[in-house]
N, C-alpha and C. Protein backbone atom coordinates (compact mmCIF):
# COMPACT_ATOMS: atom_id res chain seq x y z
N MET A 1 22.47 -46.37 -65.87
CA MET A 1 23.17 -46.62 -64.63
C MET A 1 22.82 -45.57 -63.58
N LYS A 2 22.65 -44.32 -64.02
CA LYS A 2 22.31 -43.26 -63.08
C LYS A 2 20.91 -43.47 -62.48
N THR A 3 19.98 -43.95 -63.31
CA THR A 3 18.62 -44.23 -62.82
C THR A 3 18.66 -45.30 -61.75
N LYS A 4 19.47 -46.33 -61.97
CA LYS A 4 19.59 -47.41 -60.98
C LYS A 4 20.15 -46.87 -59.66
N SER A 5 21.13 -46.00 -59.75
CA SER A 5 21.71 -45.40 -58.55
C SER A 5 20.69 -44.55 -57.80
N ILE A 6 19.91 -43.79 -58.54
CA ILE A 6 18.87 -42.95 -57.91
C ILE A 6 17.83 -43.84 -57.25
N MET A 7 17.40 -44.89 -57.95
CA MET A 7 16.41 -45.81 -57.37
C MET A 7 16.96 -46.47 -56.11
N PHE A 8 18.24 -46.86 -56.14
CA PHE A 8 18.87 -47.47 -54.96
C PHE A 8 18.82 -46.51 -53.77
N TRP A 9 19.25 -45.26 -53.99
CA TRP A 9 19.32 -44.33 -52.87
C TRP A 9 17.95 -43.90 -52.37
N VAL A 10 16.97 -43.82 -53.25
CA VAL A 10 15.60 -43.49 -52.79
C VAL A 10 15.07 -44.64 -51.93
N ALA A 11 15.17 -45.87 -52.43
CA ALA A 11 14.70 -47.03 -51.65
C ALA A 11 15.47 -47.15 -50.34
N THR A 12 16.78 -46.98 -50.40
CA THR A 12 17.61 -47.09 -49.20
C THR A 12 17.28 -45.99 -48.20
N GLY A 13 17.07 -44.79 -48.69
CA GLY A 13 16.72 -43.68 -47.81
C GLY A 13 15.39 -43.91 -47.09
N ILE A 14 14.41 -44.41 -47.82
CA ILE A 14 13.10 -44.68 -47.21
C ILE A 14 13.21 -45.80 -46.18
N VAL A 15 13.92 -46.87 -46.53
CA VAL A 15 14.10 -47.99 -45.60
C VAL A 15 14.83 -47.53 -44.34
N CYS A 16 15.92 -46.80 -44.52
CA CYS A 16 16.71 -46.35 -43.36
C CYS A 16 15.93 -45.34 -42.51
N PHE A 17 15.16 -44.47 -43.16
CA PHE A 17 14.33 -43.53 -42.40
C PHE A 17 13.30 -44.29 -41.56
N SER A 18 12.68 -45.29 -42.17
CA SER A 18 11.68 -46.08 -41.44
C SER A 18 12.32 -46.84 -40.27
N LEU A 19 13.47 -47.44 -40.53
CA LEU A 19 14.16 -48.16 -39.45
C LEU A 19 14.59 -47.20 -38.34
N PHE A 20 15.11 -46.03 -38.72
CA PHE A 20 15.58 -45.07 -37.73
C PHE A 20 14.43 -44.53 -36.87
N THR A 21 13.34 -44.12 -37.51
CA THR A 21 12.22 -43.60 -36.73
C THR A 21 11.58 -44.71 -35.90
N GLY A 22 11.54 -45.93 -36.45
CA GLY A 22 11.04 -47.07 -35.68
C GLY A 22 11.92 -47.35 -34.48
N SER A 23 13.23 -47.19 -34.67
CA SER A 23 14.17 -47.38 -33.57
C SER A 23 13.91 -46.37 -32.45
N LEU A 24 13.71 -45.12 -32.84
CA LEU A 24 13.42 -44.09 -31.83
C LEU A 24 12.14 -44.40 -31.07
N GLY A 25 11.10 -44.80 -31.81
CA GLY A 25 9.83 -45.14 -31.18
C GLY A 25 9.98 -46.29 -30.20
N ASP A 26 10.78 -47.28 -30.58
CA ASP A 26 11.01 -48.43 -29.71
C ASP A 26 11.86 -48.06 -28.49
N LEU A 27 12.97 -47.39 -28.72
CA LEU A 27 13.90 -47.09 -27.63
C LEU A 27 13.34 -46.09 -26.63
N PHE A 28 12.57 -45.13 -27.12
CA PHE A 28 12.00 -44.13 -26.21
C PHE A 28 10.59 -44.50 -25.75
N ARG A 29 10.16 -45.69 -26.16
CA ARG A 29 8.86 -46.23 -25.74
C ARG A 29 7.72 -45.23 -25.95
N PHE A 30 7.66 -44.67 -27.16
CA PHE A 30 6.56 -43.76 -27.47
C PHE A 30 5.25 -44.51 -27.24
N ALA A 31 4.29 -43.84 -26.62
CA ALA A 31 3.04 -44.48 -26.21
C ALA A 31 2.33 -45.22 -27.35
N PRO A 32 2.17 -44.62 -28.54
CA PRO A 32 1.47 -45.35 -29.60
C PRO A 32 2.21 -46.63 -30.02
N VAL A 33 3.53 -46.57 -30.01
CA VAL A 33 4.33 -47.74 -30.38
C VAL A 33 4.17 -48.82 -29.32
N GLU A 34 4.29 -48.43 -28.07
CA GLU A 34 4.15 -49.40 -26.98
C GLU A 34 2.75 -49.99 -26.95
N ASP A 35 1.74 -49.17 -27.18
CA ASP A 35 0.36 -49.68 -27.22
C ASP A 35 0.20 -50.69 -28.36
N GLY A 36 0.78 -50.38 -29.51
CA GLY A 36 0.70 -51.29 -30.65
C GLY A 36 1.39 -52.62 -30.37
N MET A 37 2.55 -52.57 -29.76
CA MET A 37 3.29 -53.80 -29.44
C MET A 37 2.51 -54.63 -28.41
N THR A 38 1.95 -53.97 -27.43
CA THR A 38 1.15 -54.67 -26.41
C THR A 38 -0.08 -55.30 -27.06
N HIS A 39 -0.73 -54.57 -27.94
CA HIS A 39 -1.91 -55.08 -28.64
C HIS A 39 -1.57 -56.33 -29.44
N LEU A 40 -0.38 -56.35 -30.02
CA LEU A 40 0.05 -57.51 -30.80
C LEU A 40 0.53 -58.66 -29.92
N GLY A 41 0.64 -58.42 -28.61
CA GLY A 41 1.01 -59.50 -27.69
C GLY A 41 2.48 -59.57 -27.32
N TYR A 42 3.26 -58.54 -27.69
CA TYR A 42 4.69 -58.56 -27.38
C TYR A 42 4.95 -57.88 -26.05
N PRO A 43 5.87 -58.43 -25.25
CA PRO A 43 6.23 -57.75 -24.00
C PRO A 43 7.07 -56.50 -24.30
N PRO A 44 7.03 -55.52 -23.41
CA PRO A 44 7.72 -54.24 -23.67
C PRO A 44 9.23 -54.37 -23.92
N TYR A 45 9.89 -55.35 -23.32
CA TYR A 45 11.34 -55.45 -23.52
C TYR A 45 11.72 -55.75 -24.97
N VAL A 46 10.79 -56.28 -25.74
CA VAL A 46 11.07 -56.56 -27.16
C VAL A 46 11.34 -55.25 -27.90
N MET A 47 10.72 -54.16 -27.44
CA MET A 47 10.94 -52.86 -28.07
C MET A 47 12.40 -52.44 -27.96
N THR A 48 13.02 -52.69 -26.82
CA THR A 48 14.42 -52.32 -26.64
C THR A 48 15.31 -53.13 -27.58
N ILE A 49 15.05 -54.42 -27.67
CA ILE A 49 15.83 -55.28 -28.57
C ILE A 49 15.69 -54.82 -30.01
N LEU A 50 14.45 -54.62 -30.46
CA LEU A 50 14.21 -54.19 -31.83
C LEU A 50 14.79 -52.80 -32.10
N GLY A 51 14.65 -51.91 -31.13
CA GLY A 51 15.17 -50.55 -31.30
C GLY A 51 16.67 -50.52 -31.51
N VAL A 52 17.39 -51.30 -30.73
CA VAL A 52 18.85 -51.35 -30.88
C VAL A 52 19.23 -51.94 -32.23
N TRP A 53 18.60 -53.05 -32.60
CA TRP A 53 18.94 -53.71 -33.87
C TRP A 53 18.57 -52.86 -35.08
N LYS A 54 17.46 -52.14 -35.01
CA LYS A 54 17.08 -51.27 -36.13
C LYS A 54 18.12 -50.16 -36.31
N LEU A 55 18.56 -49.57 -35.21
CA LEU A 55 19.56 -48.51 -35.28
C LEU A 55 20.87 -49.04 -35.85
N LEU A 56 21.29 -50.22 -35.40
CA LEU A 56 22.52 -50.82 -35.93
C LEU A 56 22.38 -51.16 -37.42
N ALA A 57 21.19 -51.57 -37.83
CA ALA A 57 20.96 -51.88 -39.25
C ALA A 57 21.12 -50.63 -40.11
N VAL A 58 20.60 -49.51 -39.64
CA VAL A 58 20.74 -48.26 -40.39
C VAL A 58 22.22 -47.91 -40.55
N LEU A 59 22.96 -48.01 -39.47
CA LEU A 59 24.39 -47.70 -39.53
C LEU A 59 25.12 -48.63 -40.49
N ALA A 60 24.80 -49.91 -40.45
CA ALA A 60 25.47 -50.89 -41.31
C ALA A 60 25.12 -50.67 -42.78
N ILE A 61 23.88 -50.37 -43.06
CA ILE A 61 23.46 -50.18 -44.46
C ILE A 61 24.07 -48.92 -45.05
N LEU A 62 24.16 -47.87 -44.27
CA LEU A 62 24.66 -46.59 -44.79
C LEU A 62 26.18 -46.47 -44.78
N ALA A 63 26.85 -47.18 -43.91
CA ALA A 63 28.31 -47.06 -43.81
C ALA A 63 28.98 -47.63 -45.06
N PRO A 64 30.06 -46.99 -45.50
CA PRO A 64 30.80 -47.56 -46.63
C PRO A 64 31.52 -48.84 -46.21
N GLY A 65 31.68 -49.75 -47.15
CA GLY A 65 32.38 -51.01 -46.87
C GLY A 65 31.49 -51.99 -46.12
N PHE A 66 32.11 -52.98 -45.51
CA PHE A 66 31.44 -54.00 -44.69
C PHE A 66 30.33 -54.74 -45.43
N PRO A 67 30.60 -55.31 -46.61
CA PRO A 67 29.52 -55.95 -47.37
C PRO A 67 28.85 -57.11 -46.64
N ARG A 68 29.59 -57.89 -45.86
CA ARG A 68 28.96 -58.99 -45.13
C ARG A 68 28.01 -58.46 -44.05
N LEU A 69 28.42 -57.43 -43.36
CA LEU A 69 27.56 -56.81 -42.35
C LEU A 69 26.30 -56.24 -42.98
N LYS A 70 26.43 -55.67 -44.19
CA LYS A 70 25.26 -55.15 -44.90
C LYS A 70 24.26 -56.26 -45.21
N GLU A 71 24.77 -57.43 -45.60
CA GLU A 71 23.88 -58.56 -45.88
C GLU A 71 23.05 -58.90 -44.65
N TRP A 72 23.70 -58.93 -43.50
CA TRP A 72 22.98 -59.23 -42.25
C TRP A 72 21.99 -58.12 -41.91
N ALA A 73 22.38 -56.88 -42.15
CA ALA A 73 21.49 -55.76 -41.85
C ALA A 73 20.25 -55.80 -42.75
N TYR A 74 20.45 -56.08 -44.03
CA TYR A 74 19.31 -56.19 -44.94
C TYR A 74 18.40 -57.35 -44.53
N ALA A 75 19.01 -58.46 -44.15
CA ALA A 75 18.20 -59.61 -43.71
C ALA A 75 17.39 -59.23 -42.47
N GLY A 76 18.04 -58.58 -41.52
CA GLY A 76 17.34 -58.17 -40.30
C GLY A 76 16.21 -57.21 -40.58
N ALA A 77 16.44 -56.25 -41.48
CA ALA A 77 15.39 -55.29 -41.83
C ALA A 77 14.21 -56.01 -42.48
N PHE A 78 14.53 -56.95 -43.39
CA PHE A 78 13.45 -57.70 -44.03
C PHE A 78 12.69 -58.54 -43.01
N PHE A 79 13.40 -59.18 -42.08
CA PHE A 79 12.73 -59.96 -41.03
C PHE A 79 11.85 -59.07 -40.17
N ASP A 80 12.33 -57.86 -39.85
CA ASP A 80 11.54 -56.94 -39.03
C ASP A 80 10.25 -56.56 -39.75
N PHE A 81 10.36 -56.13 -41.01
CA PHE A 81 9.17 -55.69 -41.73
C PHE A 81 8.22 -56.84 -42.04
N SER A 82 8.76 -57.98 -42.47
CA SER A 82 7.88 -59.11 -42.77
C SER A 82 7.28 -59.68 -41.48
N GLY A 83 8.03 -59.61 -40.38
CA GLY A 83 7.48 -60.03 -39.09
C GLY A 83 6.34 -59.12 -38.64
N ALA A 84 6.45 -57.84 -38.96
CA ALA A 84 5.35 -56.91 -38.65
C ALA A 84 4.11 -57.26 -39.46
N VAL A 85 4.32 -57.60 -40.73
CA VAL A 85 3.18 -58.02 -41.57
C VAL A 85 2.52 -59.25 -40.95
N ALA A 86 3.33 -60.26 -40.60
CA ALA A 86 2.79 -61.49 -40.02
C ALA A 86 2.08 -61.22 -38.70
N SER A 87 2.64 -60.34 -37.88
CA SER A 87 2.02 -60.02 -36.59
C SER A 87 0.67 -59.35 -36.77
N HIS A 88 0.59 -58.41 -37.70
CA HIS A 88 -0.69 -57.73 -37.96
C HIS A 88 -1.72 -58.69 -38.55
N LEU A 89 -1.26 -59.58 -39.42
CA LEU A 89 -2.18 -60.59 -39.97
C LEU A 89 -2.70 -61.51 -38.86
N ALA A 90 -1.81 -61.95 -37.98
CA ALA A 90 -2.19 -62.86 -36.90
C ALA A 90 -3.17 -62.20 -35.93
N ALA A 91 -3.05 -60.87 -35.77
CA ALA A 91 -3.94 -60.14 -34.88
C ALA A 91 -5.21 -59.68 -35.59
N ALA A 92 -5.40 -60.12 -36.83
CA ALA A 92 -6.57 -59.76 -37.63
C ALA A 92 -6.74 -58.25 -37.74
N GLU A 93 -5.63 -57.56 -37.92
CA GLU A 93 -5.64 -56.11 -38.08
C GLU A 93 -6.19 -55.76 -39.47
N PRO A 94 -6.69 -54.56 -39.63
CA PRO A 94 -7.17 -54.15 -40.95
C PRO A 94 -6.02 -54.05 -41.96
N LEU A 95 -6.35 -54.15 -43.22
CA LEU A 95 -5.37 -54.14 -44.31
C LEU A 95 -4.44 -52.93 -44.25
N VAL A 96 -4.96 -51.79 -43.83
CA VAL A 96 -4.16 -50.57 -43.79
C VAL A 96 -2.96 -50.72 -42.85
N LYS A 97 -3.08 -51.52 -41.81
CA LYS A 97 -1.98 -51.75 -40.87
C LYS A 97 -0.90 -52.65 -41.49
N ILE A 98 -1.26 -53.40 -42.51
CA ILE A 98 -0.36 -54.36 -43.13
C ILE A 98 0.39 -53.73 -44.31
N LEU A 99 -0.20 -52.74 -44.94
CA LEU A 99 0.38 -52.16 -46.15
C LEU A 99 1.73 -51.50 -45.93
N ALA A 100 1.88 -50.72 -44.87
CA ALA A 100 3.14 -50.01 -44.65
C ALA A 100 4.31 -50.98 -44.45
N PRO A 101 4.23 -51.94 -43.51
CA PRO A 101 5.37 -52.85 -43.38
C PRO A 101 5.60 -53.70 -44.63
N LEU A 102 4.54 -54.00 -45.36
CA LEU A 102 4.69 -54.74 -46.61
C LEU A 102 5.46 -53.91 -47.65
N LEU A 103 5.14 -52.63 -47.73
CA LEU A 103 5.85 -51.72 -48.63
C LEU A 103 7.32 -51.60 -48.23
N PHE A 104 7.58 -51.46 -46.92
CA PHE A 104 8.96 -51.33 -46.46
C PHE A 104 9.75 -52.62 -46.69
N ALA A 105 9.11 -53.76 -46.55
CA ALA A 105 9.78 -55.04 -46.86
C ALA A 105 10.15 -55.09 -48.33
N ALA A 106 9.24 -54.66 -49.20
CA ALA A 106 9.51 -54.64 -50.63
C ALA A 106 10.63 -53.65 -50.96
N LEU A 107 10.63 -52.48 -50.34
CA LEU A 107 11.69 -51.50 -50.58
C LEU A 107 13.04 -51.99 -50.06
N THR A 108 13.02 -52.79 -49.00
CA THR A 108 14.26 -53.39 -48.50
C THR A 108 14.85 -54.31 -49.57
N LEU A 109 14.00 -55.10 -50.20
CA LEU A 109 14.46 -55.99 -51.27
C LEU A 109 14.97 -55.18 -52.47
N VAL A 110 14.28 -54.09 -52.81
CA VAL A 110 14.72 -53.24 -53.91
C VAL A 110 16.09 -52.65 -53.61
N SER A 111 16.26 -52.11 -52.41
CA SER A 111 17.55 -51.53 -52.02
C SER A 111 18.65 -52.58 -52.07
N TRP A 112 18.38 -53.76 -51.53
CA TRP A 112 19.37 -54.85 -51.53
C TRP A 112 19.75 -55.23 -52.95
N ARG A 113 18.78 -55.36 -53.83
CA ARG A 113 19.03 -55.81 -55.20
C ARG A 113 19.77 -54.76 -56.04
N LEU A 114 19.51 -53.49 -55.79
CA LEU A 114 20.11 -52.43 -56.58
C LEU A 114 21.40 -51.86 -56.00
N ARG A 115 21.87 -52.41 -54.88
CA ARG A 115 23.05 -51.85 -54.25
C ARG A 115 24.25 -51.92 -55.20
N PRO A 116 25.12 -50.91 -55.11
CA PRO A 116 26.30 -50.88 -55.99
C PRO A 116 27.26 -52.03 -55.69
N GLN A 117 28.09 -52.36 -56.64
CA GLN A 117 29.02 -53.49 -56.53
C GLN A 117 29.89 -53.44 -55.27
N PRO A 118 30.44 -52.31 -54.87
CA PRO A 118 31.27 -52.33 -53.67
C PRO A 118 30.50 -52.70 -52.39
N ARG A 119 29.18 -52.65 -52.45
CA ARG A 119 28.37 -52.99 -51.28
C ARG A 119 27.92 -54.45 -51.31
N MET A 120 28.42 -55.22 -52.30
CA MET A 120 28.03 -56.62 -52.45
C MET A 120 29.15 -57.55 -52.02
N LEU A 121 28.76 -58.71 -51.52
CA LEU A 121 29.73 -59.78 -51.29
C LEU A 121 30.12 -60.36 -52.65
N GLY A 122 31.28 -60.96 -52.73
CA GLY A 122 31.77 -61.52 -53.99
C GLY A 122 30.80 -62.48 -54.64
N ALA A 123 30.19 -63.37 -53.88
CA ALA A 123 29.26 -64.36 -54.44
C ALA A 123 28.05 -63.67 -55.04
N PHE A 124 27.56 -62.62 -54.41
CA PHE A 124 26.40 -61.91 -54.93
C PHE A 124 26.75 -61.13 -56.18
N ARG A 125 27.99 -60.63 -56.26
CA ARG A 125 28.41 -59.93 -57.47
C ARG A 125 28.37 -60.87 -58.66
N THR A 126 28.84 -62.11 -58.44
CA THR A 126 28.85 -63.10 -59.51
C THR A 126 27.42 -63.47 -59.91
N LEU A 127 26.54 -63.68 -58.93
CA LEU A 127 25.15 -64.02 -59.22
C LEU A 127 24.45 -62.88 -59.96
N ALA A 128 24.83 -61.66 -59.65
CA ALA A 128 24.20 -60.50 -60.29
C ALA A 128 24.81 -60.22 -61.66
N GLY A 129 25.73 -61.09 -62.10
CA GLY A 129 26.36 -60.89 -63.40
C GLY A 129 27.49 -59.89 -63.37
N ARG A 130 27.99 -59.61 -62.19
CA ARG A 130 29.09 -58.67 -62.03
C ARG A 130 30.27 -59.44 -61.45
N GLU A 131 31.26 -59.66 -62.25
CA GLU A 131 32.42 -60.43 -61.80
C GLU A 131 33.22 -59.61 -60.79
N PRO A 132 33.69 -60.25 -59.71
CA PRO A 132 34.55 -59.53 -58.78
C PRO A 132 35.89 -59.20 -59.44
N GLN A 133 36.51 -58.15 -58.98
CA GLN A 133 37.82 -57.78 -59.49
C GLN A 133 38.82 -58.86 -59.08
N ARG A 134 39.78 -59.12 -59.94
CA ARG A 134 40.80 -60.13 -59.66
C ARG A 134 42.16 -59.48 -59.46
N GLY A 135 42.89 -60.00 -58.46
CA GLY A 135 44.25 -59.53 -58.20
C GLY A 135 45.23 -60.20 -59.15
N SER A 136 46.50 -59.95 -58.96
CA SER A 136 47.51 -60.50 -59.84
C SER A 136 47.59 -62.02 -59.76
N ALA A 137 47.24 -62.62 -58.63
CA ALA A 137 47.27 -64.07 -58.48
C ALA A 137 45.96 -64.71 -58.90
N GLY A 138 45.05 -63.93 -59.43
CA GLY A 138 43.76 -64.47 -59.87
C GLY A 138 42.74 -64.62 -58.77
N GLN A 139 43.06 -64.17 -57.56
CA GLN A 139 42.13 -64.27 -56.44
C GLN A 139 41.21 -63.04 -56.44
N ALA A 140 40.01 -63.26 -55.94
CA ALA A 140 39.06 -62.14 -55.85
C ALA A 140 39.60 -61.11 -54.88
N VAL A 141 39.48 -59.84 -55.24
CA VAL A 141 39.89 -58.74 -54.39
C VAL A 141 38.68 -58.33 -53.57
N PRO A 142 38.80 -58.28 -52.23
CA PRO A 142 37.65 -57.90 -51.42
C PRO A 142 37.17 -56.50 -51.76
N ALA A 143 35.86 -56.35 -51.80
CA ALA A 143 35.27 -55.03 -52.07
C ALA A 143 35.27 -54.20 -50.82
N GLY A 144 35.37 -52.87 -51.00
CA GLY A 144 35.45 -51.92 -49.92
C GLY A 144 34.37 -52.02 -48.99
């Protein structure tokens, strides 16, 4: 169980670090980031949108509680990284440009899958073989 927790936090830390630094690059329009987005055909305002959402995803993933919000944040992170892979493929970029977002997309899935029970929605706890706690009336008790 301890190994799983360590793997979760390592994957989560790497994903959140990538999202956070990506957010800074987008919001502050760092020249290499803006050049890359322009090269891929995106208008500059997309950087502001992505930067805000990446920052919010980091906050949602790291904050205690809010399991439904975490599901959306993980989905958004996966869409961001897989969208980067698709964009680089569409622009016929070299493989090295595709590997990093592909790795981060995979780590996002690892973090999502290994998250502790309190960070899961009730349905996902059941699918993962972890029954939700039941109250005195037999109803599922919401996780923190």
